[in-house]
Every structure is written in C-alpha cells, then in structure tokens.
C-alpha cells in the first residue's frame, strides 16, 4: 500500500514539479500521510495482539500442567479405589449396578437380625 501511494504521488508530478490533486481534493502528500498513519496504527495493533498471544500461550501452558497433575491424581485415586489392577468398563458398570441396588429387608430378616445381636 505504501509503495502504491508513493508511486501515485511520483506519477502525478507535472513537468514543472506541481502536484495534481486526487479526487476529493487531497494531494499525494496528504494521502501518503494518511497511509503512513494507518500503517502506524496497524503496527501498534499487531504489537498488542502479539503481546496478548504470548500471554495466552503462557496461560495454556499453565493449564496443561494443571491438567496433567489432575490426571495423575485421578490415576492414583483409581489405583486406591480399584486395587491397582485395571477392570474393563463392563465390569465396572456391573460392579456399580450391584452397589447401587439395595437388598430389600423382609420382616423375617429384620427379626433374625435382632436376635443375632
């Protein structure tokens, strides 16, 4: 864009060195100054986005570390709860169902329970 503005400014100079105005009455120098201003603002924005990107990458790295720690903790807890050996998902579901279903107490079993104490 800068090259285009500079080329246009150079191409519009007359033989006597006078510059012809562009549409809207702006001279080549004014257009070039505007273009440079836009470039400076865009450069500042790129710098800001680069800084934010660096911060976000650091945040993601910290979160990845926290996730790894959580996974290690879960693995330790699984070994404690399930005894160190892996069980298949089907066996885990069966064990969970058995643990959830209560055994109904009958009147006879309640009376027998009181007598055995």
C-alpha atoms as a PDB file:
ATOM      1  CA  UNK A   1       0.000   0.000   0.000  1.00  0.00           C
ATOM      2  CA  UNK A   2       2.842   2.364   0.839  1.00  0.00           C
ATOM      3  CA  UNK A   3       4.539   1.623  -2.497  1.00  0.00           C
ATOM      4  CA  UNK A   4       1.271   2.290  -4.338  1.00  0.00           C
ATOM      5  CA  UNK A   5       0.820   5.650  -2.588  1.00  0.00           C
ATOM      6  CA  UNK A   6       4.426   6.655  -3.272  1.00  0.00           C
ATOM      7  CA  UNK A   7       4.186   5.603  -6.932  1.00  0.00           C
ATOM      8  CA  UNK A   8       0.954   7.506  -7.361  1.00  0.00           C
ATOM      9  CA  UNK A   9       2.489  10.608  -5.800  1.00  0.00           C
ATOM     10  CA  UNK A  10       5.533  10.411  -8.060  1.00  0.00           C
ATOM     11  CA  UNK A  11       3.455   9.701 -11.176  1.00  0.00           C
ATOM     12  CA  UNK A  12       1.238  12.719 -10.688  1.00  0.00           C
ATOM     13  CA  UNK A  13       4.032  15.288 -10.562  1.00  0.00           C
ATOM     14  CA  UNK A  14       3.918  17.532 -13.559  1.00  0.00           C
ATOM     15  CA  UNK A  15       6.845  18.715 -15.638  1.00  0.00           C
ATOM     16  CA  UNK A  16       7.053  21.868 -13.562  1.00  0.00           C
ATOM     17  CA  UNK A  17       7.046  19.861 -10.278  1.00  0.00           C
ATOM     18  CA  UNK A  18       3.473  20.855  -9.376  1.00  0.00           C
ATOM     19  CA  UNK A  19       1.350  18.091  -7.973  1.00  0.00           C
ATOM     20  CA  UNK A  20      -2.154  17.416  -9.218  1.00  0.00           C
ATOM     21  CA  UNK A  21      -4.768  16.833  -6.505  1.00  0.00           C
ATOM     22  CA  UNK A  22      -6.516  13.471  -6.207  1.00  0.00           C
ATOM     23  CA  UNK A  23     -10.259  13.032  -6.126  1.00  0.00           C
ATOM     24  CA  UNK A  24     -11.738  14.767  -3.108  1.00  0.00           C
ATOM     25  CA  UNK A  25      -9.065  17.469  -3.196  1.00  0.00           C
ATOM     26  CA  UNK A  26      -6.394  15.552  -1.261  1.00  0.00           C
ATOM     27  CA  UNK A  27      -2.846  15.833  -2.533  1.00  0.00           C
ATOM     28  CA  UNK A  28      -0.486  12.898  -2.854  1.00  0.00           C
ATOM     29  CA  UNK A  29       1.370  14.062   0.256  1.00  0.00           C
ATOM     30  CA  UNK A  30      -1.868  14.064   2.271  1.00  0.00           C
ATOM     31  CA  UNK A  31      -2.778  10.592   1.050  1.00  0.00           C
ATOM     32  CA  UNK A  32       0.713   9.363   1.840  1.00  0.00           C
ATOM     33  CA  UNK A  33       0.493  10.862   5.338  1.00  0.00           C
ATOM     34  CA  UNK A  34      -2.863   9.131   5.867  1.00  0.00           C
ATOM     35  CA  UNK A  35      -1.456   5.839   4.635  1.00  0.00           C
ATOM     36  CA  UNK A  36       1.515   6.139   6.987  1.00  0.00           C
ATOM     37  CA  UNK A  37      -0.835   6.912   9.873  1.00  0.00           C
ATOM     38  CA  UNK A  38      -2.892   3.797   9.114  1.00  0.00           C
ATOM     39  CA  UNK A  39       0.288   1.707   8.911  1.00  0.00           C
ATOM     40  CA  UNK A  40       1.466   3.024  12.290  1.00  0.00           C
ATOM     41  CA  UNK A  41      -1.897   2.229  13.907  1.00  0.00           C
ATOM     42  CA  UNK A  42      -1.930  -1.240  12.381  1.00  0.00           C
ATOM     43  CA  UNK A  43       1.629  -1.840  13.562  1.00  0.00           C
ATOM     44  CA  UNK A  44       0.644  -0.848  17.115  1.00  0.00           C
ATOM     45  CA  UNK A  45      -2.340  -3.212  16.929  1.00  0.00           C
ATOM     46  CA  UNK A  46      -0.125  -6.060  15.705  1.00  0.00           C
ATOM     47  CA  UNK A  47       2.221  -5.443  18.640  1.00  0.00           C
ATOM     48  CA  UNK A  48      -0.716  -5.560  21.076  1.00  0.00           C
ATOM     49  CA  UNK A  49      -2.070  -8.765  19.549  1.00  0.00           C
ATOM     50  CA  UNK A  50       1.395 -10.337  19.689  1.00  0.00           C
ATOM     51  CA  UNK A  51       1.627  -9.488  23.399  1.00  0.00           C
ATOM     52  CA  UNK A  52      -1.833 -10.953  24.047  1.00  0.00           C
ATOM     53  CA  UNK A  53      -0.934 -14.087  22.094  1.00  0.00           C
ATOM     54  CA  UNK A  54       2.181 -14.563  24.245  1.00  0.00           C
ATOM     55  CA  UNK A  55       0.102 -14.205  27.424  1.00  0.00           C
ATOM     56  CA  UNK A  56      -2.491 -16.693  26.165  1.00  0.00           C
ATOM     57  CA  UNK A  57       0.190 -19.232  25.256  1.00  0.00           C
ATOM     58  CA  UNK A  58       1.604 -18.960  28.791  1.00  0.00           C
ATOM     59  CA  UNK A  59      -1.897 -19.445  30.224  1.00  0.00           C
ATOM     60  CA  UNK A  60      -2.469 -22.539  28.075  1.00  0.00           C
ATOM     61  CA  UNK A  61       0.875 -23.972  29.207  1.00  0.00           C
ATOM     62  CA  UNK A  62      -0.063 -23.445  32.879  1.00  0.00           C
ATOM     63  CA  UNK A  63      -3.460 -25.058  32.334  1.00  0.00           C
ATOM     64  CA  UNK A  64      -1.848 -28.021  30.563  1.00  0.00           C
ATOM     65  CA  UNK A  65       0.365 -28.509  33.608  1.00  0.00           C
ATOM     66  CA  UNK A  66      -2.645 -28.371  35.926  1.00  0.00           C
ATOM     67  CA  UNK A  67      -4.473 -30.895  33.747  1.00  0.00           C
ATOM     68  CA  UNK A  68      -1.501 -33.265  33.862  1.00  0.00           C
ATOM     69  CA  UNK A  69      -1.441 -33.009  37.670  1.00  0.00           C
ATOM     70  CA  UNK A  70      -5.192 -33.685  37.840  1.00  0.00           C
ATOM     71  CA  UNK A  71      -4.803 -36.737  35.600  1.00  0.00           C
ATOM     72  CA  UNK A  72      -2.011 -38.064  37.830  1.00  0.00           C
ATOM     73  CA  UNK A  73      -4.177 -37.574  40.916  1.00  0.00           C
ATOM     74  CA  UNK A  74      -7.093 -39.367  39.267  1.00  0.00           C
ATOM     75  CA  UNK A  75      -4.810 -42.273  38.327  1.00  0.00           C
ATOM     76  CA  UNK A  76      -3.625 -42.583  41.938  1.00  0.00           C
ATOM     77  CA  UNK A  77      -7.201 -42.468  43.248  1.00  0.00           C
ATOM     78  CA  UNK A  78      -8.273 -45.101  40.728  1.00  0.00           C
ATOM     79  CA  UNK A  79      -5.478 -47.399  41.906  1.00  0.00           C
ATOM     80  CA  UNK A  80      -6.558 -46.855  45.517  1.00  0.00           C
ATOM     81  CA  UNK A  81     -10.252 -47.468  44.816  1.00  0.00           C
ATOM     82  CA  UNK A  82      -9.933 -50.281  42.306  1.00  0.00           C
ATOM     83  CA  UNK A  83      -6.912 -52.036  43.766  1.00  0.00           C
ATOM     84  CA  UNK A  84      -4.243 -51.304  41.213  1.00  0.00           C
ATOM     85  CA  UNK A  85      -5.476 -53.608  38.505  1.00  0.00           C
ATOM     86  CA  UNK A  86      -7.493 -52.338  35.621  1.00  0.00           C
ATOM     87  CA  UNK A  87     -11.046 -53.502  35.191  1.00  0.00           C
ATOM     88  CA  UNK A  88     -12.906 -53.479  31.957  1.00  0.00           C
ATOM     89  CA  UNK A  89     -15.648 -50.860  31.589  1.00  0.00           C
ATOM     90  CA  UNK A  90     -18.261 -53.646  31.520  1.00  0.00           C
ATOM     91  CA  UNK A  91     -17.035 -55.000  34.865  1.00  0.00           C
ATOM     92  CA  UNK A  92     -17.023 -51.506  36.334  1.00  0.00           C
ATOM     93  CA  UNK A  93     -20.628 -50.956  35.221  1.00  0.00           C
ATOM     94  CA  UNK A  94     -21.675 -54.291  36.685  1.00  0.00           C
ATOM     95  CA  UNK A  95     -19.949 -53.503  39.980  1.00  0.00           C
ATOM     96  CA  UNK A  96     -21.624 -50.088  40.095  1.00  0.00           C
ATOM     97  CA  UNK A  97     -25.069 -51.587  39.480  1.00  0.00           C
ATOM     98  CA  UNK A  98     -24.596 -54.182  42.190  1.00  0.00           C
ATOM     99  CA  UNK A  99     -23.511 -51.494  44.641  1.00  0.00           C
ATOM    100  CA  UNK A 100     -26.485 -49.263  43.822  1.00  0.00           C
ATOM    101  CA  UNK A 101     -29.273 -51.876  44.082  1.00  0.00           C
ATOM    102  CA  UNK A 102     -30.324 -52.225  47.746  1.00  0.00           C
ATOM    103  CA  UNK A 103     -31.250 -55.605  49.138  1.00  0.00           C
ATOM    104  CA  UNK A 104     -34.833 -55.412  50.393  1.00  0.00           C
ATOM    105  CA  UNK A 105     -35.262 -56.360  54.030  1.00  0.00           C
ATOM    106  CA  UNK A 106     -38.119 -58.702  54.890  1.00  0.00           C
ATOM    107  CA  UNK A 107     -39.870 -58.884  58.219  1.00  0.00           C
ATOM    108  CA  UNK A 108     -38.241 -62.235  58.916  1.00  0.00           C
ATOM    109  CA  UNK A 109     -34.712 -60.980  58.170  1.00  0.00           C
ATOM    110  CA  UNK A 110     -35.207 -57.957  60.417  1.00  0.00           C
ATOM    111  CA  UNK A 111     -36.335 -60.191  63.291  1.00  0.00           C
ATOM    112  CA  UNK A 112     -33.446 -62.585  62.699  1.00  0.00           C
ATOM    113  CA  UNK A 113     -31.050 -59.668  62.678  1.00  0.00           C
ATOM    114  CA  UNK A 114     -32.238 -58.527  66.085  1.00  0.00           C
ATOM    115  CA  UNK A 115     -31.908 -61.972  67.601  1.00  0.00           C
ATOM    116  CA  UNK A 116     -28.342 -62.485  66.399  1.00  0.00           C
ATOM    117  CA  UNK A 117     -27.067 -59.371  68.155  1.00  0.00           C
END
